[in-house]
């Protein structure tokens, strides 16, 4: 049996932090995405558009709350 690694709240947060976005340790996906979108609006975050594209391609292994945050905040921010 094969198990896929799910993109959960912590993985989502870590990927955004890796781009240099300062996020609270206990931030939920909606907060992470909202803060990342605000940062993108202030000054383009290098790699954010590529990350959004990568995450969109992995939607089948993404938890629903992460997917909702991505669609609600990050897709419009980089689109």
N, C-alpha and C. Protein backbone atom coordinates (compact mmCIF):
# COMPACT_ATOMS: atom_id res chain seq x y z
N UNK A 1 0.85 -1.18 0.00
CA UNK A 1 0.00 0.00 0.00
C UNK A 1 0.89 1.24 0.00
N UNK A 2 0.52 2.21 -0.80
CA UNK A 2 1.32 3.43 -0.91
C UNK A 2 0.59 4.59 -0.23
N UNK A 3 1.32 5.35 0.55
CA UNK A 3 0.75 6.51 1.22
C UNK A 3 1.35 7.77 0.64
N UNK A 4 0.51 8.72 0.33
CA UNK A 4 0.98 10.01 -0.17
C UNK A 4 1.17 10.96 0.99
N UNK A 5 2.18 11.79 0.90
CA UNK A 5 2.36 12.82 1.91
C UNK A 5 1.34 13.91 1.64
N UNK A 6 0.51 14.16 2.63
CA UNK A 6 -0.50 15.20 2.49
C UNK A 6 0.11 16.57 2.76
N UNK A 7 -0.37 17.55 2.05
CA UNK A 7 0.04 18.92 2.31
C UNK A 7 -0.90 19.43 3.40
N UNK A 8 -0.36 19.49 4.60
CA UNK A 8 -1.16 19.92 5.74
C UNK A 8 -0.80 21.36 6.11
N UNK A 9 -1.38 21.84 7.19
CA UNK A 9 -1.18 23.23 7.60
C UNK A 9 0.29 23.54 7.87
N UNK A 10 0.98 22.65 8.54
CA UNK A 10 2.39 22.90 8.88
C UNK A 10 3.27 22.89 7.63
N UNK A 11 3.03 21.95 6.73
CA UNK A 11 3.80 21.91 5.48
C UNK A 11 3.57 23.19 4.68
N UNK A 12 2.33 23.62 4.59
CA UNK A 12 1.98 24.85 3.88
C UNK A 12 2.72 26.04 4.49
N UNK A 13 2.67 26.14 5.81
CA UNK A 13 3.33 27.23 6.52
C UNK A 13 4.83 27.20 6.27
N UNK A 14 5.44 26.03 6.36
CA UNK A 14 6.89 25.90 6.16
C UNK A 14 7.31 26.30 4.75
N UNK A 15 6.50 25.97 3.77
CA UNK A 15 6.83 26.35 2.39
C UNK A 15 6.81 27.86 2.21
N UNK A 16 5.87 28.52 2.87
CA UNK A 16 5.80 29.99 2.80
C UNK A 16 6.95 30.63 3.57
N UNK A 17 7.28 30.09 4.73
CA UNK A 17 8.40 30.60 5.52
C UNK A 17 9.71 30.45 4.73
N UNK A 18 9.85 29.37 4.00
CA UNK A 18 11.05 29.14 3.19
C UNK A 18 11.24 30.23 2.13
N UNK A 19 10.15 30.90 1.77
CA UNK A 19 10.24 32.00 0.81
C UNK A 19 10.57 33.33 1.50
N UNK A 20 10.73 33.29 2.81
CA UNK A 20 11.07 34.50 3.55
C UNK A 20 9.89 35.25 4.13
N UNK A 21 8.74 34.61 4.15
CA UNK A 21 7.54 35.24 4.69
C UNK A 21 7.48 34.92 6.18
N UNK A 22 7.41 35.95 7.00
CA UNK A 22 7.37 35.79 8.46
C UNK A 22 5.95 35.45 8.88
N UNK A 23 5.78 34.27 9.46
CA UNK A 23 4.46 33.80 9.87
C UNK A 23 4.51 33.29 11.31
N UNK A 24 3.45 33.51 12.07
CA UNK A 24 3.40 32.97 13.43
C UNK A 24 3.48 31.44 13.42
N UNK A 25 4.10 30.89 14.41
CA UNK A 25 4.28 29.44 14.51
C UNK A 25 2.94 28.71 14.51
N UNK A 26 1.94 29.28 15.15
CA UNK A 26 0.65 28.61 15.28
C UNK A 26 -0.38 29.08 14.25
N UNK A 27 0.06 29.74 13.19
CA UNK A 27 -0.87 30.27 12.19
C UNK A 27 -1.56 29.15 11.42
N UNK A 28 -2.87 29.31 11.23
CA UNK A 28 -3.62 28.34 10.43
C UNK A 28 -3.42 28.66 8.95
N UNK A 29 -3.84 27.77 8.05
CA UNK A 29 -3.63 28.00 6.63
C UNK A 29 -4.22 29.32 6.11
N UNK A 30 -5.41 29.69 6.60
CA UNK A 30 -6.02 30.93 6.14
C UNK A 30 -5.17 32.13 6.53
N UNK A 31 -4.69 32.15 7.75
CA UNK A 31 -3.84 33.25 8.21
C UNK A 31 -2.53 33.27 7.42
N UNK A 32 -1.93 32.13 7.22
CA UNK A 32 -0.68 32.06 6.44
C UNK A 32 -0.87 32.62 5.04
N UNK A 33 -1.93 32.18 4.38
CA UNK A 33 -2.19 32.62 3.01
C UNK A 33 -2.51 34.11 2.96
N UNK A 34 -3.28 34.58 3.92
CA UNK A 34 -3.65 36.00 3.97
C UNK A 34 -2.40 36.87 4.18
N UNK A 35 -1.55 36.49 5.11
CA UNK A 35 -0.33 37.25 5.36
C UNK A 35 0.63 37.19 4.17
N UNK A 36 0.72 36.04 3.53
CA UNK A 36 1.56 35.91 2.34
C UNK A 36 1.03 36.79 1.20
N UNK A 37 -0.28 36.86 1.04
CA UNK A 37 -0.87 37.71 0.01
C UNK A 37 -0.62 39.19 0.31
N UNK A 38 -0.70 39.56 1.59
CA UNK A 38 -0.40 40.95 1.96
C UNK A 38 1.06 41.29 1.65
N UNK A 39 1.94 40.37 1.98
CA UNK A 39 3.36 40.58 1.69
C UNK A 39 3.59 40.71 0.19
N UNK A 40 2.91 39.88 -0.59
CA UNK A 40 3.02 39.93 -2.06
C UNK A 40 2.52 41.27 -2.59
N UNK A 41 1.48 41.83 -1.97
CA UNK A 41 0.93 43.11 -2.41
C UNK A 41 1.90 44.25 -2.09
N UNK A 42 2.66 44.12 -1.02
CA UNK A 42 3.62 45.16 -0.64
C UNK A 42 4.84 45.14 -1.54
N UNK A 43 5.37 43.97 -1.79
CA UNK A 43 6.55 43.79 -2.65
C UNK A 43 6.55 42.33 -3.10
N UNK A 44 6.78 42.13 -4.37
CA UNK A 44 6.71 40.78 -4.90
C UNK A 44 7.61 39.82 -4.12
N UNK A 45 7.05 38.70 -3.76
CA UNK A 45 7.80 37.66 -3.04
C UNK A 45 8.37 36.70 -4.08
N UNK A 46 9.69 36.69 -4.24
CA UNK A 46 10.28 35.77 -5.22
C UNK A 46 9.93 34.33 -4.90
N UNK A 47 9.43 33.62 -5.90
CA UNK A 47 9.10 32.21 -5.74
C UNK A 47 7.66 31.94 -5.34
N UNK A 48 6.91 32.96 -4.95
CA UNK A 48 5.54 32.71 -4.50
C UNK A 48 4.65 32.22 -5.65
N UNK A 49 4.75 32.83 -6.79
CA UNK A 49 3.93 32.40 -7.93
C UNK A 49 4.26 30.95 -8.31
N UNK A 50 5.53 30.60 -8.28
CA UNK A 50 5.94 29.22 -8.61
C UNK A 50 5.41 28.24 -7.55
N UNK A 51 5.43 28.66 -6.29
CA UNK A 51 4.91 27.80 -5.23
C UNK A 51 3.41 27.58 -5.40
N UNK A 52 2.68 28.63 -5.73
CA UNK A 52 1.24 28.51 -5.94
C UNK A 52 0.97 27.53 -7.08
N UNK A 53 1.72 27.65 -8.16
CA UNK A 53 1.55 26.74 -9.30
C UNK A 53 1.85 25.31 -8.89
N UNK A 54 2.91 25.12 -8.12
CA UNK A 54 3.28 23.78 -7.65
C UNK A 54 2.19 23.20 -6.76
N UNK A 55 1.68 24.01 -5.85
CA UNK A 55 0.63 23.53 -4.95
C UNK A 55 -0.66 23.22 -5.70
N UNK A 56 -1.00 24.02 -6.69
CA UNK A 56 -2.20 23.76 -7.49
C UNK A 56 -2.11 22.39 -8.15
N UNK A 57 -0.91 22.03 -8.59
CA UNK A 57 -0.70 20.74 -9.25
C UNK A 57 -0.81 19.58 -8.26
N UNK A 58 -0.71 19.87 -6.97
CA UNK A 58 -0.77 18.83 -5.95
C UNK A 58 -2.09 18.88 -5.17
N UNK A 59 -3.11 19.46 -5.74
CA UNK A 59 -4.39 19.64 -5.05
C UNK A 59 -4.97 18.32 -4.53
N UNK A 60 -4.68 17.24 -5.20
CA UNK A 60 -5.25 15.95 -4.78
C UNK A 60 -4.69 15.44 -3.46
N UNK A 61 -3.55 15.97 -3.03
CA UNK A 61 -2.96 15.55 -1.75
C UNK A 61 -2.93 16.71 -0.75
N UNK A 62 -3.80 17.68 -0.97
CA UNK A 62 -3.85 18.86 -0.11
C UNK A 62 -5.08 18.78 0.79
N UNK A 63 -4.88 19.06 2.06
CA UNK A 63 -6.03 19.09 2.97
C UNK A 63 -6.98 20.22 2.58
N UNK A 64 -8.27 20.05 2.79
CA UNK A 64 -9.26 21.04 2.34
C UNK A 64 -9.01 22.46 2.84
N UNK A 65 -8.59 22.62 4.10
CA UNK A 65 -8.37 23.98 4.61
C UNK A 65 -7.18 24.66 3.94
N UNK A 66 -6.21 23.88 3.52
CA UNK A 66 -5.06 24.45 2.79
C UNK A 66 -5.51 24.85 1.38
N UNK A 67 -6.28 23.99 0.75
CA UNK A 67 -6.79 24.29 -0.61
C UNK A 67 -7.64 25.56 -0.59
N UNK A 68 -8.51 25.69 0.39
CA UNK A 68 -9.37 26.87 0.49
C UNK A 68 -8.54 28.14 0.68
N UNK A 69 -7.52 28.08 1.50
CA UNK A 69 -6.65 29.24 1.73
C UNK A 69 -5.91 29.61 0.45
N UNK A 70 -5.44 28.59 -0.27
CA UNK A 70 -4.74 28.83 -1.52
C UNK A 70 -5.65 29.52 -2.53
N UNK A 71 -6.84 29.00 -2.69
CA UNK A 71 -7.79 29.55 -3.66
C UNK A 71 -8.28 30.95 -3.24
N UNK A 72 -8.54 31.14 -1.97
CA UNK A 72 -9.09 32.40 -1.50
C UNK A 72 -8.09 33.55 -1.50
N UNK A 73 -6.85 33.27 -1.16
CA UNK A 73 -5.89 34.35 -0.94
C UNK A 73 -4.72 34.37 -1.91
N UNK A 74 -4.09 33.22 -2.14
CA UNK A 74 -2.85 33.22 -2.91
C UNK A 74 -3.04 33.22 -4.42
N UNK A 75 -4.03 32.48 -4.91
CA UNK A 75 -4.26 32.52 -6.36
C UNK A 75 -4.55 33.93 -6.84
N UNK A 76 -5.44 34.68 -6.17
CA UNK A 76 -5.68 36.06 -6.61
C UNK A 76 -4.45 36.96 -6.45
N UNK A 77 -3.62 36.68 -5.46
CA UNK A 77 -2.45 37.53 -5.20
C UNK A 77 -1.37 37.40 -6.26
N UNK A 78 -1.28 36.23 -6.88
CA UNK A 78 -0.22 36.02 -7.88
C UNK A 78 -0.78 35.96 -9.29
N UNK A 79 -2.10 35.93 -9.42
CA UNK A 79 -2.73 35.78 -10.73
C UNK A 79 -2.83 36.99 -11.54
